[in-house]
PDB file of N, CA and C in Angstrom:
ATOM      1  N   MET A   1     -23.677 -22.536 -35.550  1.00  0.00           N
ATOM      2  CA  MET A   1     -24.258 -22.209 -36.859  1.00  0.00           C
ATOM      3  C   MET A   1     -24.642 -23.596 -37.505  1.00  0.00           C
ATOM      4  N   ASP A   2     -25.851 -23.698 -38.034  1.00  0.00           N
ATOM      5  CA  ASP A   2     -26.285 -24.948 -38.609  1.00  0.00           C
ATOM      6  C   ASP A   2     -25.857 -25.095 -40.073  1.00  0.00           C
ATOM      7  N   ALA A   3     -26.271 -26.202 -40.726  1.00  0.00           N
ATOM      8  CA  ALA A   3     -25.880 -26.439 -42.095  1.00  0.00           C
ATOM      9  C   ALA A   3     -26.447 -25.455 -43.066  1.00  0.00           C
ATOM     10  N   GLU A   4     -27.547 -24.779 -42.711  1.00  0.00           N
ATOM     11  CA  GLU A   4     -28.179 -23.784 -43.546  1.00  0.00           C
ATOM     12  C   GLU A   4     -27.665 -22.368 -43.272  1.00  0.00           C
ATOM     13  N   GLY A   5     -26.724 -22.255 -42.388  1.00  0.00           N
ATOM     14  CA  GLY A   5     -26.112 -20.896 -42.076  1.00  0.00           C
ATOM     15  C   GLY A   5     -26.858 -20.079 -41.018  1.00  0.00           C
ATOM     16  N   PHE A   6     -27.814 -20.718 -40.316  1.00  0.00           N
ATOM     17  CA  PHE A   6     -28.513 -19.982 -39.272  1.00  0.00           C
ATOM     18  C   PHE A   6     -27.738 -20.104 -37.943  1.00  0.00           C
ATOM     19  N   LEU A   7     -27.621 -18.997 -37.265  1.00  0.00           N
ATOM     20  CA  LEU A   7     -26.917 -18.869 -35.964  1.00  0.00           C
ATOM     21  C   LEU A   7     -28.018 -18.954 -34.850  1.00  0.00           C
ATOM     22  N   SER A   8     -27.840 -19.826 -33.855  1.00  0.00           N
ATOM     23  CA  SER A   8     -28.722 -19.938 -32.711  1.00  0.00           C
ATOM     24  C   SER A   8     -27.971 -19.538 -31.476  1.00  0.00           C
ATOM     25  N   ILE A   9     -28.610 -18.737 -30.633  1.00  0.00           N
ATOM     26  CA  ILE A   9     -28.023 -18.352 -29.364  1.00  0.00           C
ATOM     27  C   ILE A   9     -28.869 -19.002 -28.282  1.00  0.00           C
ATOM     28  N   GLY A  10     -28.224 -19.783 -27.396  1.00  0.00           N
ATOM     29  CA  GLY A  10     -29.046 -20.435 -26.371  1.00  0.00           C
ATOM     30  C   GLY A  10     -29.172 -19.734 -25.078  1.00  0.00           C
ATOM     31  N   ASP A  11     -28.230 -18.919 -24.709  1.00  0.00           N
ATOM     32  CA  ASP A  11     -28.295 -18.167 -23.436  1.00  0.00           C
ATOM     33  C   ASP A  11     -27.199 -17.014 -23.507  1.00  0.00           C
ATOM     34  N   ARG A  12     -27.230 -16.283 -22.451  1.00  0.00           N
ATOM     35  CA  ARG A  12     -26.315 -15.177 -22.354  1.00  0.00           C
ATOM     36  C   ARG A  12     -24.858 -15.715 -22.111  1.00  0.00           C
ATOM     37  N   SER A  13     -23.849 -14.951 -22.635  1.00  0.00           N
ATOM     38  CA  SER A  13     -22.492 -15.326 -22.313  1.00  0.00           C
ATOM     39  C   SER A  13     -22.160 -14.920 -20.894  1.00  0.00           C
ATOM     40  N   LYS A  14     -22.755 -13.839 -20.390  1.00  0.00           N
ATOM     41  CA  LYS A  14     -22.535 -13.407 -19.016  1.00  0.00           C
ATOM     42  C   LYS A  14     -23.838 -12.997 -18.373  1.00  0.00           C
ATOM     43  N   ASP A  15     -23.960 -13.309 -17.080  1.00  0.00           N
ATOM     44  CA  ASP A  15     -25.281 -12.971 -16.383  1.00  0.00           C
ATOM     45  C   ASP A  15     -25.208 -11.698 -15.664  1.00  0.00           C
ATOM     46  N   MET A  16     -24.106 -11.005 -15.655  1.00  0.00           N
ATOM     47  CA  MET A  16     -23.950  -9.747 -14.913  1.00  0.00           C
ATOM     48  C   MET A  16     -23.114  -8.733 -15.730  1.00  0.00           C
ATOM     49  N   ILE A  17     -23.492  -7.481 -15.690  1.00  0.00           N
ATOM     50  CA  ILE A  17     -22.793  -6.388 -16.280  1.00  0.00           C
ATOM     51  C   ILE A  17     -22.155  -5.598 -15.168  1.00  0.00           C
ATOM     52  N   ILE A  18     -20.859  -5.372 -15.199  1.00  0.00           N
ATOM     53  CA  ILE A  18     -20.177  -4.578 -14.191  1.00  0.00           C
ATOM     54  C   ILE A  18     -19.743  -3.306 -14.792  1.00  0.00           C
ATOM     55  N   SER A  19     -20.320  -2.160 -14.330  1.00  0.00           N
ATOM     56  CA  SER A  19     -20.052  -0.874 -14.870  1.00  0.00           C
ATOM     57  C   SER A  19     -19.755   0.133 -13.775  1.00  0.00           C
ATOM     58  N   GLY A  20     -18.594   0.701 -13.807  1.00  0.00           N
ATOM     59  CA  GLY A  20     -18.261   1.683 -12.785  1.00  0.00           C
ATOM     60  C   GLY A  20     -18.347   1.214 -11.371  1.00  0.00           C
ATOM     61  N   GLY A  21     -18.073  -0.070 -11.164  1.00  0.00           N
ATOM     62  CA  GLY A  21     -18.110  -0.672  -9.840  1.00  0.00           C
ATOM     63  C   GLY A  21     -19.510  -1.135  -9.433  1.00  0.00           C
ATOM     64  N   SER A  22     -20.542  -0.902 -10.226  1.00  0.00           N
ATOM     65  CA  SER A  22     -21.901  -1.395  -9.894  1.00  0.00           C
ATOM     66  C   SER A  22     -22.179  -2.608 -10.754  1.00  0.00           C
ATOM     67  N   ASN A  23     -22.951  -3.486 -10.184  1.00  0.00           N
ATOM     68  CA  ASN A  23     -23.376  -4.721 -10.863  1.00  0.00           C
ATOM     69  C   ASN A  23     -24.804  -4.593 -11.326  1.00  0.00           C
ATOM     70  N   PHE A  24     -25.036  -4.974 -12.591  1.00  0.00           N
ATOM     71  CA  PHE A  24     -26.400  -4.953 -13.200  1.00  0.00           C
ATOM     72  C   PHE A  24     -26.745  -6.279 -13.707  1.00  0.00           C
ATOM     73  N   TYR A  25     -27.906  -6.754 -13.457  1.00  0.00           N
ATOM     74  CA  TYR A  25     -28.402  -7.971 -14.017  1.00  0.00           C
ATOM     75  C   TYR A  25     -29.255  -7.618 -15.236  1.00  0.00           C
ATOM     76  N   PRO A  26     -28.841  -8.091 -16.415  1.00  0.00           N
ATOM     77  CA  PRO A  26     -29.594  -7.758 -17.645  1.00  0.00           C
ATOM     78  C   PRO A  26     -31.109  -8.024 -17.511  1.00  0.00           C
ATOM     79  N   ARG A  27     -31.493  -9.122 -16.937  1.00  0.00           N
ATOM     80  CA  ARG A  27     -32.950  -9.462 -16.844  1.00  0.00           C
ATOM     81  C   ARG A  27     -33.730  -8.456 -16.076  1.00  0.00           C
ATOM     82  N   GLU A  28     -33.145  -7.924 -15.039  1.00  0.00           N
ATOM     83  CA  GLU A  28     -33.823  -6.831 -14.314  1.00  0.00           C
ATOM     84  C   GLU A  28     -34.022  -5.589 -15.072  1.00  0.00           C
ATOM     85  N   ILE A  29     -33.000  -5.248 -15.841  1.00  0.00           N
ATOM     86  CA  ILE A  29     -33.161  -4.023 -16.726  1.00  0.00           C
ATOM     87  C   ILE A  29     -34.185  -4.330 -17.818  1.00  0.00           C
ATOM     88  N   GLU A  30     -34.153  -5.467 -18.430  1.00  0.00           N
ATOM     89  CA  GLU A  30     -35.105  -5.787 -19.506  1.00  0.00           C
ATOM     90  C   GLU A  30     -36.520  -5.660 -19.072  1.00  0.00           C
ATOM     91  N   GLU A  31     -36.864  -5.944 -17.814  1.00  0.00           N
ATOM     92  CA  GLU A  31     -38.195  -5.858 -17.371  1.00  0.00           C
ATOM     93  C   GLU A  31     -38.860  -4.492 -17.452  1.00  0.00           C
ATOM     94  N   VAL A  32     -38.011  -3.497 -17.345  1.00  0.00           N
ATOM     95  CA  VAL A  32     -38.497  -2.112 -17.385  1.00  0.00           C
ATOM     96  C   VAL A  32     -39.114  -1.703 -18.767  1.00  0.00           C
ATOM     97  N   PRO A  33     -38.320  -1.764 -19.857  1.00  0.00           N
ATOM     98  CA  PRO A  33     -38.925  -1.427 -21.125  1.00  0.00           C
ATOM     99  C   PRO A  33     -40.020  -2.396 -21.574  1.00  0.00           C
ATOM    100  N   LEU A  34     -40.021  -3.598 -21.074  1.00  0.00           N
ATOM    101  CA  LEU A  34     -41.083  -4.571 -21.476  1.00  0.00           C
ATOM    102  C   LEU A  34     -42.428  -4.192 -20.870  1.00  0.00           C
ATOM    103  N   ARG A  35     -42.438  -3.271 -19.915  1.00  0.00           N
ATOM    104  CA  ARG A  35     -43.766  -2.832 -19.410  1.00  0.00           C
ATOM    105  C   ARG A  35     -44.421  -1.881 -20.355  1.00  0.00           C
ATOM    106  N   HIS A  36     -43.695  -1.249 -21.262  1.00  0.00           N
ATOM    107  CA  HIS A  36     -44.245  -0.320 -22.242  1.00  0.00           C
ATOM    108  C   HIS A  36     -45.043  -1.051 -23.300  1.00  0.00           C
ATOM    109  N   PRO A  37     -46.264  -0.570 -23.619  1.00  0.00           N
ATOM    110  CA  PRO A  37     -47.162  -1.275 -24.545  1.00  0.00           C
ATOM    111  C   PRO A  37     -46.592  -1.374 -25.974  1.00  0.00           C
ATOM    112  N   ALA A  38     -45.660  -0.515 -26.287  1.00  0.00           N
ATOM    113  CA  ALA A  38     -45.141  -0.524 -27.651  1.00  0.00           C
ATOM    114  C   ALA A  38     -43.884  -1.503 -27.819  1.00  0.00           C
ATOM    115  N   VAL A  39     -43.457  -2.049 -26.676  1.00  0.00           N
ATOM    116  CA  VAL A  39     -42.244  -2.987 -26.738  1.00  0.00           C
ATOM    117  C   VAL A  39     -42.678  -4.394 -26.775  1.00  0.00           C
ATOM    118  N   ALA A  40     -42.243  -5.145 -27.783  1.00  0.00           N
ATOM    119  CA  ALA A  40     -42.544  -6.597 -27.917  1.00  0.00           C
ATOM    120  C   ALA A  40     -41.479  -7.395 -27.284  1.00  0.00           C
ATOM    121  N   GLU A  41     -40.175  -7.050 -27.531  1.00  0.00           N
ATOM    122  CA  GLU A  41     -39.041  -7.855 -26.994  1.00  0.00           C
ATOM    123  C   GLU A  41     -37.952  -6.878 -26.606  1.00  0.00           C
ATOM    124  N   CYS A  42     -37.118  -7.323 -25.681  1.00  0.00           N
ATOM    125  CA  CYS A  42     -36.023  -6.526 -25.162  1.00  0.00           C
ATOM    126  C   CYS A  42     -34.851  -7.483 -24.819  1.00  0.00           C
ATOM    127  N   SER A  43     -33.646  -7.045 -25.187  1.00  0.00           N
ATOM    128  CA  SER A  43     -32.415  -7.803 -24.729  1.00  0.00           C
ATOM    129  C   SER A  43     -31.356  -6.783 -24.301  1.00  0.00           C
ATOM    130  N   VAL A  44     -30.829  -6.999 -23.162  1.00  0.00           N
ATOM    131  CA  VAL A  44     -29.771  -6.085 -22.587  1.00  0.00           C
ATOM    132  C   VAL A  44     -28.467  -6.881 -22.457  1.00  0.00           C
ATOM    133  N   VAL A  45     -27.425  -6.249 -22.973  1.00  0.00           N
ATOM    134  CA  VAL A  45     -26.043  -6.804 -22.900  1.00  0.00           C
ATOM    135  C   VAL A  45     -25.081  -5.692 -22.414  1.00  0.00           C
ATOM    136  N   GLY A  46     -23.901  -6.159 -22.027  1.00  0.00           N
ATOM    137  CA  GLY A  46     -22.853  -5.290 -21.719  1.00  0.00           C
ATOM    138  C   GLY A  46     -21.816  -5.105 -22.846  1.00  0.00           C
ATOM    139  N   ARG A  47     -21.418  -3.875 -23.098  1.00  0.00           N
ATOM    140  CA  ARG A  47     -20.443  -3.565 -24.144  1.00  0.00           C
ATOM    141  C   ARG A  47     -19.226  -2.981 -23.514  1.00  0.00           C
ATOM    142  N   PRO A  48     -18.047  -3.364 -23.878  1.00  0.00           N
ATOM    143  CA  PRO A  48     -16.828  -2.830 -23.309  1.00  0.00           C
ATOM    144  C   PRO A  48     -16.757  -1.284 -23.359  1.00  0.00           C
ATOM    145  N   HIS A  49     -16.314  -0.670 -22.271  1.00  0.00           N
ATOM    146  CA  HIS A  49     -16.243   0.792 -22.198  1.00  0.00           C
ATOM    147  C   HIS A  49     -14.927   1.134 -21.558  1.00  0.00           C
ATOM    148  N   ASP A  50     -14.146   2.088 -22.133  1.00  0.00           N
ATOM    149  CA  ASP A  50     -12.787   2.337 -21.692  1.00  0.00           C
ATOM    150  C   ASP A  50     -12.822   2.873 -20.275  1.00  0.00           C
ATOM    151  N   GLU A  51     -13.720   3.722 -19.872  1.00  0.00           N
ATOM    152  CA  GLU A  51     -13.680   4.295 -18.513  1.00  0.00           C
ATOM    153  C   GLU A  51     -14.467   3.502 -17.483  1.00  0.00           C
ATOM    154  N   TRP A  52     -15.629   2.898 -17.817  1.00  0.00           N
ATOM    155  CA  TRP A  52     -16.477   2.224 -16.884  1.00  0.00           C
ATOM    156  C   TRP A  52     -16.320   0.735 -16.815  1.00  0.00           C
ATOM    157  N   GLY A  53     -15.562   0.158 -17.753  1.00  0.00           N
ATOM    158  CA  GLY A  53     -15.418  -1.293 -17.797  1.00  0.00           C
ATOM    159  C   GLY A  53     -16.433  -1.844 -18.795  1.00  0.00           C
ATOM    160  N   GLU A  54     -17.684  -1.622 -18.568  1.00  0.00           N
ATOM    161  CA  GLU A  54     -18.793  -2.021 -19.467  1.00  0.00           C
ATOM    162  C   GLU A  54     -19.839  -0.958 -19.413  1.00  0.00           C
ATOM    163  N   GLU A  55     -20.628  -0.896 -20.485  1.00  0.00           N
ATOM    164  CA  GLU A  55     -21.772  -0.057 -20.477  1.00  0.00           C
ATOM    165  C   GLU A  55     -22.973  -0.867 -20.909  1.00  0.00           C
ATOM    166  N   VAL A  56     -24.197  -0.513 -20.458  1.00  0.00           N
ATOM    167  CA  VAL A  56     -25.374  -1.240 -20.703  1.00  0.00           C
ATOM    168  C   VAL A  56     -25.958  -0.806 -22.080  1.00  0.00           C
ATOM    169  N   VAL A  57     -26.275  -1.795 -22.887  1.00  0.00           N
ATOM    170  CA  VAL A  57     -26.924  -1.614 -24.191  1.00  0.00           C
ATOM    171  C   VAL A  57     -28.157  -2.390 -24.283  1.00  0.00           C
ATOM    172  N   ALA A  58     -29.238  -1.715 -24.758  1.00  0.00           N
ATOM    173  CA  ALA A  58     -30.524  -2.426 -24.880  1.00  0.00           C
ATOM    174  C   ALA A  58     -30.919  -2.444 -26.361  1.00  0.00           C
ATOM    175  N   PHE A  59     -31.402  -3.607 -26.734  1.00  0.00           N
ATOM    176  CA  PHE A  59     -31.958  -3.823 -28.084  1.00  0.00           C
ATOM    177  C   PHE A  59     -33.497  -4.047 -27.936  1.00  0.00           C
ATOM    178  N   LEU A  60     -34.259  -3.274 -28.602  1.00  0.00           N
ATOM    179  CA  LEU A  60     -35.730  -3.358 -28.511  1.00  0.00           C
ATOM    180  C   LEU A  60     -36.359  -3.778 -29.857  1.00  0.00           C
ATOM    181  N   VAL A  61     -37.385  -4.579 -29.788  1.00  0.00           N
ATOM    182  CA  VAL A  61     -38.260  -4.858 -30.924  1.00  0.00           C
ATOM    183  C   VAL A  61     -39.616  -4.236 -30.609  1.00  0.00           C
ATOM    184  N   LEU A  62     -39.992  -3.388 -31.432  1.00  0.00           N
ATOM    185  CA  LEU A  62     -41.316  -2.715 -31.206  1.00  0.00           C
ATOM    186  C   LEU A  62     -42.467  -3.501 -31.771  1.00  0.00           C
ATOM    187  N   LYS A  63     -43.699  -3.324 -31.208  1.00  0.00           N
ATOM    188  CA  LYS A  63     -44.853  -4.033 -31.744  1.00  0.00           C
ATOM    189  C   LYS A  63     -45.275  -3.301 -33.035  1.00  0.00           C
TER     190      LYS A  63
END
């Protein structure tokens, strides 16, 4: 966080999401919604899940 209170994120904290024994690379998943003409930006992260270990969550910015 800088002196003005802005938070900057430089990179992912993890490069792989492990869910139910399967490995997912966020960048590969992000490429799918980015093909849609209404999507400007996409970010995929893993969120803790009690049964699967992690679940995939996508954040989209629409045009």
